[in-house]
Amino acid sequence: MTRSDRAGRLVAAPPAAVYAALMDPGSLEVWLPPDGMRGRVEHWDPRPGGGFRMVLTHLDATGSPGKTSDTTDVVDIGFADLVPSRRVVQRAVFESHDPSYAGTMTMTWSLAAVGGGTEVTVTATDVPPGIDQAVHEAGIASSLAQLASYVEAAG
């Protein structure tokens, strides 16, 4: 049975602004890393079939070692589907020698206009068993809070 993790948040910005933040590598480096991490995009190909590679560095790896090294999580993200202002579907593969992080996790970012804002829902399916569900959902929620702050400040 595959596992799905999910989080959502209302963002006080239009779907086009949220989608733009999902599709800009500089923006992703600012808001996507959860609390306690920083991120760097190594390459960028924003089209279905394209993707990017992100290096996430734990600011303090004590008690939560990285998947790739003691301090890093390296993930290759492929864009499976891009629907402007509506949806971004990503296929994520972690670089790790630990088989509990193997496989391809699908991250679906759904955007729905609600009043003057956007309901952003993130659903992760086929989550590798090495990723703790509570920690993962907290990380997604952290990224969503940072996304909201980022696009709301720009608006």
C-alpha atoms as a PDB file:
ATOM      1  CA  MET A   1       0.000   0.000   0.000  1.00  0.00           C
ATOM      2  CA  THR A   2       1.346   3.424  -0.899  1.00  0.00           C
ATOM      3  CA  ARG A   3       1.382   6.264   1.567  1.00  0.00           C
ATOM      4  CA  SER A   4       0.084   9.769   0.925  1.00  0.00           C
ATOM      5  CA  ASP A   5       1.000  12.822   2.969  1.00  0.00           C
ATOM      6  CA  ARG A   6      -0.975  16.033   2.626  1.00  0.00           C
ATOM      7  CA  ALA A   7      -1.067  19.652   3.771  1.00  0.00           C
ATOM      8  CA  GLY A   8      -2.910  22.764   2.655  1.00  0.00           C
ATOM      9  CA  ARG A   9      -3.046  26.477   3.262  1.00  0.00           C
ATOM     10  CA  LEU A  10      -5.007  29.511   2.145  1.00  0.00           C
ATOM     11  CA  VAL A  11      -2.671  32.059   0.562  1.00  0.00           C
ATOM     12  CA  ALA A  12      -3.786  35.695   0.258  1.00  0.00           C
ATOM     13  CA  ALA A  13      -2.617  36.023  -3.344  1.00  0.00           C
ATOM     14  CA  PRO A  14      -4.090  35.091  -6.715  1.00  0.00           C
ATOM     15  CA  PRO A  15      -3.361  31.683  -8.271  1.00  0.00           C
ATOM     16  CA  ALA A  16      -1.146  33.292 -10.941  1.00  0.00           C
ATOM     17  CA  ALA A  17       1.184  34.696  -8.251  1.00  0.00           C
ATOM     18  CA  VAL A  18       1.366  31.352  -6.440  1.00  0.00           C
ATOM     19  CA  TYR A  19       2.044  29.505  -9.711  1.00  0.00           C
ATOM     20  CA  ALA A  20       4.789  32.007 -10.567  1.00  0.00           C
ATOM     21  CA  ALA A  21       6.479  31.264  -7.214  1.00  0.00           C
ATOM     22  CA  LEU A  22       6.293  27.527  -7.980  1.00  0.00           C
ATOM     23  CA  MET A  23       7.914  28.062 -11.378  1.00  0.00           C
ATOM     24  CA  ASP A  24      10.837  30.350 -10.529  1.00  0.00           C
ATOM     25  CA  PRO A  25      14.085  28.797  -9.255  1.00  0.00           C
ATOM     26  CA  GLY A  26      15.104  31.846  -7.216  1.00  0.00           C
ATOM     27  CA  SER A  27      11.716  31.914  -5.530  1.00  0.00           C
ATOM     28  CA  LEU A  28      11.887  28.182  -4.759  1.00  0.00           C
ATOM     29  CA  GLU A  29      15.250  28.649  -3.046  1.00  0.00           C
ATOM     30  CA  VAL A  30      13.647  31.209  -0.724  1.00  0.00           C
ATOM     31  CA  TRP A  31      10.399  29.530   0.310  1.00  0.00           C
ATOM     32  CA  LEU A  32      10.549  25.779  -0.454  1.00  0.00           C
ATOM     33  CA  PRO A  33      13.140  24.604   2.126  1.00  0.00           C
ATOM     34  CA  PRO A  34      11.332  23.817   5.384  1.00  0.00           C
ATOM     35  CA  ASP A  35      12.341  25.500   8.635  1.00  0.00           C
ATOM     36  CA  GLY A  36      15.876  24.547   9.565  1.00  0.00           C
ATOM     37  CA  MET A  37      17.043  24.093   5.963  1.00  0.00           C
ATOM     38  CA  ARG A  38      18.290  26.154   3.077  1.00  0.00           C
ATOM     39  CA  GLY A  39      18.048  25.239  -0.579  1.00  0.00           C
ATOM     40  CA  ARG A  40      19.932  25.663  -3.820  1.00  0.00           C
ATOM     41  CA  VAL A  41      18.624  24.892  -7.310  1.00  0.00           C
ATOM     42  CA  GLU A  42      21.398  23.424  -9.450  1.00  0.00           C
ATOM     43  CA  HIS A  43      19.687  23.338 -12.847  1.00  0.00           C
ATOM     44  CA  TRP A  44      16.305  24.441 -14.165  1.00  0.00           C
ATOM     45  CA  ASP A  45      14.204  23.216 -17.091  1.00  0.00           C
ATOM     46  CA  PRO A  46      10.599  24.489 -16.583  1.00  0.00           C
ATOM     47  CA  ARG A  47       8.569  22.290 -18.944  1.00  0.00           C
ATOM     48  CA  PRO A  48       6.757  18.971 -18.795  1.00  0.00           C
ATOM     49  CA  GLY A  49       9.538  16.401 -19.039  1.00  0.00           C
ATOM     50  CA  GLY A  50      12.038  18.924 -17.655  1.00  0.00           C
ATOM     51  CA  GLY A  51      12.764  19.594 -14.024  1.00  0.00           C
ATOM     52  CA  PHE A  52      15.338  20.708 -11.524  1.00  0.00           C
ATOM     53  CA  ARG A  53      17.780  19.449  -8.933  1.00  0.00           C
ATOM     54  CA  MET A  54      17.627  20.898  -5.443  1.00  0.00           C
ATOM     55  CA  VAL A  55      20.224  20.567  -2.720  1.00  0.00           C
ATOM     56  CA  LEU A  56      18.687  21.031   0.732  1.00  0.00           C
ATOM     57  CA  THR A  57      21.142  21.632   3.561  1.00  0.00           C
ATOM     58  CA  HIS A  58      20.212  21.014   7.187  1.00  0.00           C
ATOM     59  CA  LEU A  59      21.305  24.033   9.235  1.00  0.00           C
ATOM     60  CA  ASP A  60      21.622  21.708  12.246  1.00  0.00           C
ATOM     61  CA  ALA A  61      21.725  18.012  11.365  1.00  0.00           C
ATOM     62  CA  THR A  62      21.819  16.901  14.993  1.00  0.00           C
ATOM     63  CA  GLY A  63      19.202  14.202  15.416  1.00  0.00           C
ATOM     64  CA  SER A  64      17.987  14.377  11.816  1.00  0.00           C
ATOM     65  CA  PRO A  65      20.718  13.366   9.396  1.00  0.00           C
ATOM     66  CA  GLY A  66      20.236  14.044   5.720  1.00  0.00           C
ATOM     67  CA  LYS A  67      19.188  11.448   3.187  1.00  0.00           C
ATOM     68  CA  THR A  68      22.185  12.066   0.892  1.00  0.00           C
ATOM     69  CA  SER A  69      24.876  12.966   3.440  1.00  0.00           C
ATOM     70  CA  ASP A  70      24.980  13.887   7.107  1.00  0.00           C
ATOM     71  CA  THR A  71      23.884  17.431   6.273  1.00  0.00           C
ATOM     72  CA  THR A  72      22.137  17.299   2.882  1.00  0.00           C
ATOM     73  CA  ASP A  73      19.132  16.003   1.011  1.00  0.00           C
ATOM     74  CA  VAL A  74      19.634  16.063  -2.755  1.00  0.00           C
ATOM     75  CA  VAL A  75      16.501  15.564  -4.803  1.00  0.00           C
ATOM     76  CA  ASP A  76      15.948  15.409  -8.558  1.00  0.00           C
ATOM     77  CA  ILE A  77      12.535  16.785  -9.464  1.00  0.00           C
ATOM     78  CA  GLY A  78      10.876  16.123 -12.806  1.00  0.00           C
ATOM     79  CA  PHE A  79       7.871  18.087 -14.004  1.00  0.00           C
ATOM     80  CA  ALA A  80       5.149  15.587 -14.929  1.00  0.00           C
ATOM     81  CA  ASP A  81       2.365  18.139 -15.499  1.00  0.00           C
ATOM     82  CA  LEU A  82       2.168  21.929 -15.538  1.00  0.00           C
ATOM     83  CA  VAL A  83      -1.199  23.668 -15.743  1.00  0.00           C
ATOM     84  CA  PRO A  84      -0.680  27.425 -15.302  1.00  0.00           C
ATOM     85  CA  SER A  85      -2.402  28.820 -12.203  1.00  0.00           C
ATOM     86  CA  ARG A  86      -3.995  25.409 -11.464  1.00  0.00           C
ATOM     87  CA  ARG A  87      -1.507  22.588 -10.848  1.00  0.00           C
ATOM     88  CA  VAL A  88       2.130  21.510 -10.761  1.00  0.00           C
ATOM     89  CA  VAL A  89       2.889  17.790 -10.614  1.00  0.00           C
ATOM     90  CA  GLN A  90       6.436  16.841  -9.697  1.00  0.00           C
ATOM     91  CA  ARG A  91       8.208  13.478  -9.544  1.00  0.00           C
ATOM     92  CA  ALA A  92      10.863  13.518  -6.801  1.00  0.00           C
ATOM     93  CA  VAL A  93      13.760  11.079  -6.468  1.00  0.00           C
ATOM     94  CA  PHE A  94      16.106  11.397  -3.489  1.00  0.00           C
ATOM     95  CA  GLU A  95      19.802  10.738  -3.935  1.00  0.00           C
ATOM     96  CA  SER A  96      20.519   8.218  -1.169  1.00  0.00           C
ATOM     97  CA  HIS A  97      22.277   4.920  -0.563  1.00  0.00           C
ATOM     98  CA  ASP A  98      19.588   4.032   1.987  1.00  0.00           C
ATOM     99  CA  PRO A  99      16.913   1.856   0.295  1.00  0.00           C
ATOM    100  CA  SER A 100      14.241   3.266   2.629  1.00  0.00           C
ATOM    101  CA  TYR A 101      14.419   6.517   0.585  1.00  0.00           C
ATOM    102  CA  ALA A 102      14.303   4.786  -2.819  1.00  0.00           C
ATOM    103  CA  GLY A 103      11.547   5.255  -5.338  1.00  0.00           C
ATOM    104  CA  THR A 104       9.742   8.126  -6.958  1.00  0.00           C
ATOM    105  CA  MET A 105       7.481  10.304  -4.838  1.00  0.00           C
ATOM    106  CA  THR A 106       4.849  12.350  -6.650  1.00  0.00           C
ATOM    107  CA  MET A 107       4.141  15.846  -5.321  1.00  0.00           C
ATOM    108  CA  THR A 108       0.953  17.469  -6.616  1.00  0.00           C
ATOM    109  CA  TRP A 109       0.541  21.179  -5.922  1.00  0.00           C
ATOM    110  CA  SER A 110      -3.116  22.096  -6.545  1.00  0.00           C
ATOM    111  CA  LEU A 111      -4.209  25.731  -6.707  1.00  0.00           C
ATOM    112  CA  ALA A 112      -7.838  26.816  -6.391  1.00  0.00           C
ATOM    113  CA  ALA A 113      -9.093  30.389  -6.425  1.00  0.00           C
ATOM    114  CA  VAL A 114     -10.982  31.115  -3.193  1.00  0.00           C
ATOM    115  CA  GLY A 115     -12.301  34.613  -2.591  1.00  0.00           C
ATOM    116  CA  GLY A 116      -9.321  36.936  -2.978  1.00  0.00           C
ATOM    117  CA  GLY A 117      -6.753  34.185  -2.518  1.00  0.00           C
ATOM    118  CA  THR A 118      -5.663  30.685  -3.386  1.00  0.00           C
ATOM    119  CA  GLU A 119      -6.211  27.409  -1.579  1.00  0.00           C
ATOM    120  CA  VAL A 120      -2.938  25.530  -2.050  1.00  0.00           C
ATOM    121  CA  THR A 121      -3.048  21.802  -1.404  1.00  0.00           C
ATOM    122  CA  VAL A 122       0.039  19.594  -1.569  1.00  0.00           C
ATOM    123  CA  THR A 123      -0.407  15.853  -1.841  1.00  0.00           C
ATOM    124  CA  ALA A 124       2.627  13.577  -1.767  1.00  0.00           C
ATOM    125  CA  THR A 125       2.023  10.005  -2.954  1.00  0.00           C
ATOM    126  CA  ASP A 126       4.322   6.992  -2.970  1.00  0.00           C
ATOM    127  CA  VAL A 127       6.266   8.550  -0.094  1.00  0.00           C
ATOM    128  CA  PRO A 128       9.402   6.506   0.664  1.00  0.00           C
ATOM    129  CA  PRO A 129       9.037   4.643   3.975  1.00  0.00           C
ATOM    130  CA  GLY A 130      12.200   6.238   5.396  1.00  0.00           C
ATOM    131  CA  ILE A 131      10.439   9.615   5.520  1.00  0.00           C
ATOM    132  CA  ASP A 132       8.564  10.021   8.792  1.00  0.00           C
ATOM    133  CA  GLN A 133       4.967  11.027   8.024  1.00  0.00           C
ATOM    134  CA  ALA A 134       4.561  13.588  10.823  1.00  0.00           C
ATOM    135  CA  VAL A 135       7.916  15.208  10.019  1.00  0.00           C
ATOM    136  CA  HIS A 136       7.088  15.248   6.299  1.00  0.00           C
ATOM    137  CA  GLU A 137       3.665  16.830   6.783  1.00  0.00           C
ATOM    138  CA  ALA A 138       5.199  19.414   9.141  1.00  0.00           C
ATOM    139  CA  GLY A 139       7.850  20.154   6.503  1.00  0.00           C
ATOM    140  CA  ILE A 140       5.202  20.620   3.798  1.00  0.00           C
ATOM    141  CA  ALA A 141       3.216  22.905   6.124  1.00  0.00           C
ATOM    142  CA  SER A 142       6.387  24.900   6.828  1.00  0.00           C
ATOM    143  CA  SER A 143       7.050  25.316   3.101  1.00  0.00           C
ATOM    144  CA  LEU A 144       3.430  26.394   2.556  1.00  0.00           C
ATOM    145  CA  ALA A 145       3.712  29.014   5.338  1.00  0.00           C
ATOM    146  CA  GLN A 146       6.870  30.363   3.729  1.00  0.00           C
ATOM    147  CA  LEU A 147       5.202  30.342   0.299  1.00  0.00           C
ATOM    148  CA  ALA A 148       2.324  32.372   1.737  1.00  0.00           C
ATOM    149  CA  SER A 149       4.686  34.900   3.331  1.00  0.00           C
ATOM    150  CA  TYR A 150       6.709  35.141   0.117  1.00  0.00           C
ATOM    151  CA  VAL A 151       3.852  35.762  -2.321  1.00  0.00           C
ATOM    152  CA  GLU A 152       1.816  37.899   0.093  1.00  0.00           C
ATOM    153  CA  ALA A 153       4.800  40.220   0.665  1.00  0.00           C
ATOM    154  CA  ALA A 154       5.339  40.521  -3.092  1.00  0.00           C
ATOM    155  CA  GLY A 155       1.672  41.319  -3.737  1.00  0.00           C
END
